[in-house]
Amino acid sequence: MTPMWWLWPTILVGSLTGLHFWWRAKYRALEHRTNTDLTTCQQRQEQGTQDMQAQQQVIFNSMLEGLLLLDRQRKITLVNRTFESLFQTKSDLRGKTVMEALRQHELADLVARVEKERQVFNFELKPVDRHERWLQVNAAAITNASGGIEGTILVFHDLTRLKQLERQREEFVANVSHELRTPLSLIKGYVETLLDGAKENPEVADKFLKTIERNTRRLDLLIQDLLTISALESGRLKLELQPVKLRALTEKVFNDLSTKAEARNVRLACEISDLTAHADVNRLDQVMANLVDNAIKYGRTGGVVMVTAKSLSPEQIEVCVQDDGQGIPVESLERVFERFYRVDKARSRDQGGTGLGLAIVKHIVQSHGGKVWARSEAGKGAGFYFTLPVAHAEATH
């Protein structure tokens, strides 16, 4: 039998070689799996970070306040949608400083101040643009565990509407005070004169008492107008809607104002066909009376006041009250419906108006779902237009 001793080393070497290649294959597979797991883990981590950032952005974008986040180099890292709307930004601001992105010196100074004081509250900022806007800014430094500054967060709240309301309130109080003071001063002066002995002269006493009565009536009209516009603006005035024949209503207003028209030799003309509006008859009477009264006052002596109406659509009627006076300056057309706004202050007060008539007209028309506007050419008079809903056939029965 041939000796087999040489076979064992061969088998051993072959086995070791096979084991070596198996181990290498196993190692490569393990290495591949490990690398795959690491890549997957890294991808999951990156995806998780992206998801978290996306969720944060969704949350920040849902905020009513503007949000601006800066890093330690004062570079922008995040803004939300409200901030973009407040500052009307269109490009990506990330990586820019406040000055580079917004050109707002006051805001850049605020950032520097926050880094020193750590917190700044109720800072008022007026952005540099063509719109009148006011923003309130609350800012705080973002610090790490050792107290070092890692960045700055700024929260912006739009104060524009509050500022406008505050200004309107101040103007309203000032105007009301002025309108009340004038007749009250006259009444007080004439009463004191009467008490000092003028009452003994019948002619003087009669003249003074008529002046007192006229200014008392003016005060009463002002108070009534103030109460009306307050009720209209607050929504407390309820409309009693019904079909209203526009021609009949206009002729009734003409009859009420005929004495005033005759005093200025003004002809009142109505060119309205059979049109019926769905409106509160008393409030519509107030609208028409205010507009026709103004047309008589500010139209040409010996002129014509014309009231017309036409159908704009099956749902809407347009009414116009036109005079032939001096007209209204272009810059005043948008403001004539403001409370107490007067194109000619001296002439308006001489005519005895309260300065609230056109504001009341605007609010009554708007409460009917309509709109009101004015048109004018210098020397060719002014036209005041408003729209009303149509009264449909089923509403007239």
Protein backbone atom coordinates (compact mmCIF):
# COMPACT_ATOMS: atom_id res chain seq x y z
CA MET A 1 0.00 0.00 0.00
CA THR A 2 1.46 3.36 -1.07
CA PRO A 3 2.22 5.68 1.84
CA MET A 4 -0.30 8.66 2.14
CA TRP A 5 1.74 10.91 4.42
CA TRP A 6 2.21 13.61 1.73
CA LEU A 7 -1.58 13.85 1.26
CA TRP A 8 -2.24 15.27 4.74
CA PRO A 9 -0.26 18.48 4.28
CA THR A 10 -1.98 19.01 0.94
CA ILE A 11 -5.38 18.53 2.54
CA LEU A 12 -4.39 20.83 5.40
CA VAL A 13 -3.13 23.55 3.07
CA GLY A 14 -6.22 23.21 0.91
CA SER A 15 -8.42 23.39 3.96
CA LEU A 16 -6.60 26.44 5.29
CA THR A 17 -6.77 28.09 1.88
CA GLY A 18 -10.47 27.38 1.62
CA LEU A 19 -10.97 28.64 5.17
CA HIS A 20 -9.01 31.77 4.29
CA PHE A 21 -11.12 32.52 1.23
CA TRP A 22 -14.30 31.72 3.14
CA TRP A 23 -13.26 34.08 5.91
CA ARG A 24 -12.35 36.80 3.42
CA ALA A 25 -15.70 36.40 1.69
CA LYS A 26 -17.40 36.42 5.06
CA TYR A 27 -15.43 39.51 6.11
CA ARG A 28 -16.26 41.31 2.89
CA ALA A 29 -19.90 40.44 3.27
CA LEU A 30 -19.78 41.64 6.87
CA GLU A 31 -17.91 44.76 5.86
CA HIS A 32 -20.42 45.42 3.08
CA ARG A 33 -23.31 44.86 5.46
CA THR A 34 -21.69 47.14 8.04
CA ASN A 35 -21.08 49.84 5.46
CA THR A 36 -24.64 49.41 4.20
CA ASP A 37 -25.98 49.65 7.75
CA LEU A 38 -23.86 52.73 8.42
CA THR A 39 -25.04 54.35 5.19
CA THR A 40 -28.65 53.45 5.97
CA CYS A 41 -28.24 54.80 9.50
CA GLN A 42 -26.70 57.98 8.17
CA GLN A 43 -29.46 58.33 5.58
CA ARG A 44 -32.09 57.77 8.24
CA GLN A 45 -30.41 60.33 10.46
CA GLU A 46 -30.26 62.85 7.62
CA GLN A 47 -33.88 62.08 6.71
CA GLY A 48 -34.88 62.49 10.34
CA THR A 49 -33.06 65.83 10.49
CA GLN A 50 -34.76 66.95 7.27
CA ASP A 51 -38.16 65.82 8.57
CA MET A 52 -37.58 67.67 11.84
CA GLN A 53 -36.53 70.82 9.99
CA ALA A 54 -39.56 70.53 7.70
CA GLN A 55 -41.85 70.14 10.73
CA GLN A 56 -40.22 73.14 12.39
CA GLN A 57 -40.70 75.19 9.23
CA VAL A 58 -44.38 74.17 9.07
CA ILE A 59 -44.82 75.22 12.69
CA PHE A 60 -42.96 78.49 12.17
CA ASN A 61 -44.94 79.23 9.00
CA SER A 62 -48.21 78.79 10.90
CA MET A 63 -47.25 81.58 13.32
CA LEU A 64 -49.07 84.90 12.98
CA GLU A 65 -45.88 86.69 14.05
CA GLY A 66 -42.82 87.08 11.87
CA LEU A 67 -39.79 85.03 12.97
CA LEU A 68 -36.12 85.72 12.22
CA LEU A 69 -33.30 83.47 13.46
CA LEU A 70 -29.63 84.48 13.31
CA ASP A 71 -26.48 82.48 14.04
CA ARG A 72 -23.48 83.63 16.09
CA GLN A 73 -22.06 85.47 13.04
CA ARG A 74 -25.37 87.40 12.75
CA LYS A 75 -26.20 85.52 9.55
CA ILE A 76 -29.82 84.62 8.83
CA THR A 77 -30.53 80.91 9.24
CA LEU A 78 -34.33 80.88 9.22
CA VAL A 79 -37.29 83.13 8.43
CA ASN A 80 -40.96 82.17 8.36
CA ARG A 81 -43.69 83.06 5.89
CA THR A 82 -45.12 85.90 7.99
CA PHE A 83 -41.70 87.56 8.13
CA GLU A 84 -41.38 87.32 4.34
CA SER A 85 -44.83 88.91 4.00
CA LEU A 86 -44.05 91.71 6.47
CA PHE A 87 -40.84 92.66 4.69
CA GLN A 88 -42.05 91.63 1.19
CA THR A 89 -38.92 89.57 0.53
CA LYS A 90 -38.68 87.48 -2.63
CA SER A 91 -35.21 85.89 -2.54
CA ASP A 92 -33.63 83.41 -0.11
CA LEU A 93 -32.24 85.40 2.84
CA ARG A 94 -30.28 82.58 4.47
CA GLY A 95 -26.57 83.27 4.90
CA LYS A 96 -27.01 87.04 4.70
CA THR A 97 -26.75 89.64 7.45
CA VAL A 98 -29.76 91.80 8.33
CA MET A 99 -28.22 94.78 6.54
CA GLU A 100 -27.46 92.74 3.42
CA ALA A 101 -30.95 91.25 3.32
CA LEU A 102 -33.19 94.11 4.48
CA ARG A 103 -31.23 97.39 4.52
CA GLN A 104 -32.73 98.16 7.92
CA HIS A 105 -30.22 100.08 10.06
CA GLU A 106 -32.50 100.13 13.10
CA LEU A 107 -32.90 96.36 12.97
CA ALA A 108 -29.14 95.82 12.65
CA ASP A 109 -28.61 98.10 15.67
CA LEU A 110 -31.22 96.10 17.58
CA VAL A 111 -29.33 92.84 16.94
CA ALA A 112 -26.15 94.39 18.34
CA ARG A 113 -28.09 95.67 21.34
CA VAL A 114 -29.56 92.23 22.06
CA GLU A 115 -26.08 90.70 22.17
CA LYS A 116 -25.21 93.14 24.96
CA GLU A 117 -28.51 93.17 26.88
CA ARG A 118 -29.55 89.55 26.07
CA GLN A 119 -33.24 90.60 25.79
CA VAL A 120 -35.12 93.53 24.26
CA PHE A 121 -38.93 93.74 24.41
CA ASN A 122 -41.52 96.03 22.77
CA PHE A 123 -39.10 97.65 20.36
CA GLU A 124 -41.03 99.61 17.70
CA LEU A 125 -39.70 99.48 14.16
CA LYS A 126 -40.92 101.47 11.16
CA PRO A 127 -39.69 99.64 8.03
CA VAL A 128 -38.16 101.80 5.34
CA ASP A 129 -40.57 101.37 2.43
CA ARG A 130 -43.31 103.25 0.64
CA HIS A 131 -46.03 101.91 2.95
CA GLU A 132 -46.76 103.34 6.37
CA ARG A 133 -46.22 100.36 8.65
CA TRP A 134 -45.23 99.80 12.28
CA LEU A 135 -43.81 96.60 13.76
CA GLN A 136 -43.22 95.58 17.36
CA VAL A 137 -40.08 93.46 17.85
CA ASN A 138 -39.26 91.18 20.79
CA ALA A 139 -35.72 89.82 20.64
CA ALA A 140 -33.55 87.51 22.76
CA ALA A 141 -30.06 86.04 22.57
CA ILE A 142 -29.74 82.25 22.27
CA THR A 143 -27.07 81.07 24.73
CA ASN A 144 -25.30 77.77 25.36
CA ALA A 145 -24.65 76.04 28.71
CA SER A 146 -21.61 78.21 29.42
CA GLY A 147 -23.50 81.43 28.66
CA GLY A 148 -21.95 82.05 25.26
CA ILE A 149 -24.14 83.48 22.52
CA GLU A 150 -25.05 80.98 19.80
CA GLY A 151 -27.45 83.25 17.93
CA THR A 152 -30.41 85.64 18.14
CA ILE A 153 -34.14 85.15 17.74
CA LEU A 154 -36.44 88.03 16.80
CA VAL A 155 -40.25 87.93 16.76
CA PHE A 156 -42.18 90.60 14.80
CA HIS A 157 -45.79 91.66 15.43
CA ASP A 158 -47.59 94.01 13.01
CA LEU A 159 -48.80 97.12 14.87
CA THR A 160 -49.95 99.00 11.77
CA ARG A 161 -53.68 98.51 12.30
CA LEU A 162 -53.43 99.40 16.00
CA LYS A 163 -51.46 102.54 15.15
CA GLN A 164 -54.04 103.53 12.55
CA LEU A 165 -56.90 102.98 14.98
CA GLU A 166 -55.10 104.99 17.64
CA ARG A 167 -54.55 107.84 15.20
CA GLN A 168 -58.19 107.69 14.10
CA ARG A 169 -59.29 107.77 17.74
CA GLU A 170 -57.13 110.82 18.43
CA GLU A 171 -58.39 112.57 15.31
CA PHE A 172 -61.98 111.65 16.18
CA VAL A 173 -61.70 113.05 19.72
CA ALA A 174 -60.02 116.22 18.43
CA ASN A 175 -62.66 116.71 15.72
CA VAL A 176 -65.61 116.05 18.02
CA SER A 177 -64.16 118.41 20.62
CA HIS A 178 -63.78 121.10 17.98
CA GLU A 179 -67.26 120.58 16.54
CA LEU A 180 -68.81 120.71 20.02
CA ARG A 181 -66.72 123.65 21.20
CA THR A 182 -67.79 126.01 18.40
CA PRO A 183 -71.57 126.01 19.00
CA LEU A 184 -71.14 125.72 22.77
CA SER A 185 -68.89 128.80 22.78
CA LEU A 186 -71.47 130.75 20.79
CA ILE A 187 -74.31 129.65 23.05
CA LYS A 188 -72.30 130.50 26.17
CA GLY A 189 -71.32 133.91 24.80
CA TYR A 190 -74.86 134.91 23.80
CA VAL A 191 -76.35 133.66 27.08
CA GLU A 192 -73.81 135.69 29.08
CA THR A 193 -74.58 138.77 26.96
CA LEU A 194 -78.30 138.33 27.56
CA LEU A 195 -77.77 137.94 31.29
CA ASP A 196 -75.63 141.07 31.33
CA GLY A 197 -78.60 143.12 30.19
CA ALA A 198 -79.12 142.49 26.49
CA LYS A 199 -82.38 140.70 27.30
CA GLU A 200 -83.93 144.10 28.05
CA ASN A 201 -83.68 145.00 24.35
CA PRO A 202 -86.38 142.94 22.55
CA GLU A 203 -84.74 143.13 19.12
CA VAL A 204 -81.30 142.10 20.40
CA ALA A 205 -82.78 139.42 22.64
CA ASP A 206 -84.77 137.93 19.75
CA LYS A 207 -81.67 137.85 17.49
CA PHE A 208 -79.52 136.26 20.18
CA LEU A 209 -82.14 133.65 21.07
CA LYS A 210 -82.47 132.64 17.41
CA THR A 211 -78.68 132.20 17.23
CA ILE A 212 -78.75 130.12 20.41
CA GLU A 213 -81.60 128.00 19.00
CA ARG A 214 -79.73 127.47 15.70
CA ASN A 215 -76.54 126.33 17.47
CA THR A 216 -78.55 124.12 19.83
CA ARG A 217 -80.05 122.43 16.77
CA ARG A 218 -76.54 122.05 15.35
CA LEU A 219 -75.41 120.32 18.55
CA ASP A 220 -78.42 118.01 18.42
CA LEU A 221 -77.66 117.08 14.79
CA LEU A 222 -74.03 116.36 15.66
CA ILE A 223 -75.00 114.11 18.57
CA GLN A 224 -77.57 112.26 16.44
CA ASP A 225 -75.00 111.76 13.67
CA LEU A 226 -72.41 110.52 16.16
CA LEU A 227 -74.88 108.00 17.58
CA THR A 228 -75.84 106.86 14.07
CA ILE A 229 -72.29 106.35 12.84
CA SER A 230 -71.36 104.57 16.07
CA ALA A 231 -74.28 102.17 15.62
CA LEU A 232 -73.39 101.61 11.96
CA GLU A 233 -69.71 100.94 12.60
CA SER A 234 -70.42 98.54 15.46
CA GLY A 235 -73.09 96.64 13.52
CA ARG A 236 -75.74 97.40 16.15
CA LEU A 237 -78.02 99.12 13.64
CA LYS A 238 -80.37 96.51 12.21
CA LEU A 239 -81.77 97.02 8.73
CA GLU A 240 -85.45 96.45 7.94
CA LEU A 241 -85.11 95.40 4.32
CA GLN A 242 -88.07 95.77 1.97
CA PRO A 243 -88.79 96.77 -1.66
CA VAL A 244 -88.23 100.53 -2.11
CA LYS A 245 -89.37 102.44 -5.20
CA LEU A 246 -86.45 104.72 -5.96
CA ARG A 247 -88.38 107.37 -7.89
CA ALA A 248 -90.99 107.77 -5.13
CA LEU A 249 -88.27 107.98 -2.46
CA THR A 250 -86.33 110.61 -4.45
CA GLU A 251 -89.43 112.76 -4.96
CA LYS A 252 -90.14 112.57 -1.23
CA VAL A 253 -86.57 113.78 -0.48
CA PHE A 254 -86.99 116.59 -3.05
CA ASN A 255 -90.16 117.69 -1.30
CA ASP A 256 -88.40 117.71 2.09
CA LEU A 257 -85.55 119.85 0.74
CA SER A 258 -87.58 122.09 -1.56
CA THR A 259 -87.25 125.13 0.72
CA LYS A 260 -83.44 124.88 0.72
CA ALA A 261 -83.41 124.41 -3.05
CA GLU A 262 -85.65 127.43 -3.61
CA ALA A 263 -83.44 129.58 -1.37
CA ARG A 264 -80.52 128.96 -3.79
CA ASN A 265 -82.71 128.85 -6.91
CA VAL A 266 -81.64 125.25 -7.53
CA ARG A 267 -83.79 123.00 -9.72
CA LEU A 268 -84.21 119.41 -8.52
CA ALA A 269 -84.54 116.85 -11.31
CA CYS A 270 -85.21 113.10 -11.11
CA GLU A 271 -84.54 110.77 -14.05
CA ILE A 272 -85.36 107.38 -12.57
CA SER A 273 -87.55 104.80 -14.26
CA ASP A 274 -89.45 102.05 -12.45
CA LEU A 275 -86.54 100.66 -10.39
CA THR A 276 -87.03 98.96 -7.04
CA ALA A 277 -84.23 98.38 -4.53
CA HIS A 278 -84.10 95.90 -1.66
CA ALA A 279 -83.27 98.27 1.18
CA ASP A 280 -84.18 99.84 4.51
CA VAL A 281 -86.42 102.73 3.43
CA ASN A 282 -85.51 104.99 6.37
CA ARG A 283 -81.75 104.50 5.94
CA LEU A 284 -81.98 104.92 2.17
CA ASP A 285 -83.94 108.13 2.78
CA GLN A 286 -81.03 109.26 4.97
CA VAL A 287 -78.52 108.48 2.22
CA MET A 288 -80.47 110.31 -0.46
CA ALA A 289 -81.22 113.29 1.80
CA ASN A 290 -77.54 113.70 2.72
CA LEU A 291 -76.38 113.56 -0.90
CA VAL A 292 -79.11 115.86 -2.29
CA ASP A 293 -78.64 118.32 0.59
CA ASN A 294 -74.88 118.45 -0.13
CA ALA A 295 -75.55 118.93 -3.84
CA ILE A 296 -77.82 121.90 -3.07
CA LYS A 297 -75.26 123.43 -0.68
CA TYR A 298 -72.18 123.04 -2.86
CA GLY A 299 -73.73 123.18 -6.31
CA ARG A 300 -74.05 126.30 -8.39
CA THR A 301 -76.60 128.95 -7.36
CA GLY A 302 -79.32 128.76 -9.97
CA GLY A 303 -78.05 125.36 -11.05
CA VAL A 304 -79.47 121.84 -11.27
CA VAL A 305 -79.23 118.80 -8.99
CA MET A 306 -79.89 115.63 -10.96
CA VAL A 307 -80.66 112.19 -9.52
CA THR A 308 -80.41 109.23 -11.90
CA ALA A 309 -80.42 105.45 -11.52
CA LYS A 310 -79.80 102.49 -13.80
CA SER A 311 -79.59 98.70 -13.65
CA LEU A 312 -76.01 97.42 -13.63
CA SER A 313 -77.09 93.78 -13.61
CA PRO A 314 -80.10 91.67 -12.61
CA GLU A 315 -78.78 91.93 -9.04
CA GLN A 316 -77.58 95.53 -8.75
CA ILE A 317 -78.72 99.15 -9.22
CA GLU A 318 -76.45 102.20 -9.50
CA VAL A 319 -77.72 105.57 -8.25
CA CYS A 320 -76.05 108.94 -8.94
CA VAL A 321 -76.60 112.38 -7.38
CA GLN A 322 -74.97 115.02 -9.62
CA ASP A 323 -74.50 118.76 -9.08
CA ASP A 324 -73.01 121.44 -11.34
CA GLY A 325 -70.87 123.31 -8.83
CA GLN A 326 -67.13 123.89 -8.58
CA GLY A 327 -66.36 120.21 -8.18
CA ILE A 328 -64.00 118.37 -5.83
CA PRO A 329 -60.18 118.35 -6.16
CA VAL A 330 -58.81 114.99 -7.33
CA GLU A 331 -56.74 114.55 -4.14
CA SER A 332 -59.91 114.83 -2.03
CA LEU A 333 -62.09 112.32 -3.89
CA GLU A 334 -60.83 109.35 -1.86
CA ARG A 335 -61.17 111.19 1.46
CA VAL A 336 -64.58 112.84 1.24
CA PHE A 337 -66.19 109.83 2.93
CA GLU A 338 -63.93 110.06 5.99
CA ARG A 339 -65.44 111.29 9.24
CA PHE A 340 -65.09 115.08 9.63
CA TYR A 341 -63.11 115.46 6.40
CA ARG A 342 -63.97 118.75 4.69
CA VAL A 343 -62.76 119.91 1.28
CA ASP A 344 -63.39 123.54 2.26
CA LYS A 345 -63.44 123.70 6.06
CA ALA A 346 -64.58 127.31 6.39
CA ARG A 347 -67.39 126.99 3.84
CA SER A 348 -68.57 123.65 5.25
CA ARG A 349 -68.97 125.03 8.75
CA ASP A 350 -70.75 128.12 7.41
CA GLN A 351 -73.22 125.77 5.71
CA GLY A 352 -73.93 124.11 9.07
CA GLY A 353 -72.88 120.53 8.34
CA THR A 354 -71.54 118.15 11.00
CA GLY A 355 -68.84 116.64 8.79
CA LEU A 356 -70.33 113.16 9.27
CA GLY A 357 -72.92 113.05 6.48
CA LEU A 358 -70.84 111.31 3.82
CA ALA A 359 -69.33 108.90 6.37
CA ILE A 360 -72.88 107.90 7.33
CA VAL A 361 -73.76 107.50 3.63
CA LYS A 362 -70.77 105.18 3.14
CA HIS A 363 -71.62 102.96 6.10
CA ILE A 364 -75.33 102.70 5.23
CA VAL A 365 -74.55 101.74 1.63
CA GLN A 366 -71.93 99.20 2.74
CA SER A 367 -74.37 97.69 5.25
CA HIS A 368 -76.65 97.01 2.24
CA GLY A 369 -73.78 95.21 0.49
CA GLY A 370 -73.13 98.10 -1.89
CA LYS A 371 -70.27 100.50 -2.52
CA VAL A 372 -70.03 104.29 -2.81
CA TRP A 373 -67.64 106.58 -4.68
CA ALA A 374 -67.34 110.10 -6.10
CA ARG A 375 -66.30 111.53 -9.47
CA SER A 376 -65.57 115.13 -10.31
CA GLU A 377 -63.99 117.53 -12.80
CA ALA A 378 -62.92 121.02 -11.80
CA GLY A 379 -65.67 123.48 -12.65
CA LYS A 380 -68.04 120.74 -13.82
CA GLY A 381 -69.60 119.65 -10.55
CA ALA A 382 -69.40 116.40 -8.62
CA GLY A 383 -71.26 113.12 -8.89
CA PHE A 384 -71.81 110.78 -5.95
CA TYR A 385 -72.53 107.17 -6.89
CA PHE A 386 -73.70 104.20 -4.85
CA THR A 387 -75.02 100.71 -5.56
CA LEU A 388 -77.93 98.81 -4.05
CA PRO A 389 -79.33 95.28 -4.40
CA VAL A 390 -82.33 94.80 -6.66
CA ALA A 391 -85.67 93.81 -5.13
CA HIS A 392 -86.81 90.70 -7.00
CA ALA A 393 -90.41 90.08 -7.94
CA GLU A 394 -91.01 87.52 -5.17
CA ALA A 395 -89.82 90.07 -2.57
CA THR A 396 -92.45 92.63 -3.63
CA HIS A 397 -95.40 90.44 -2.72
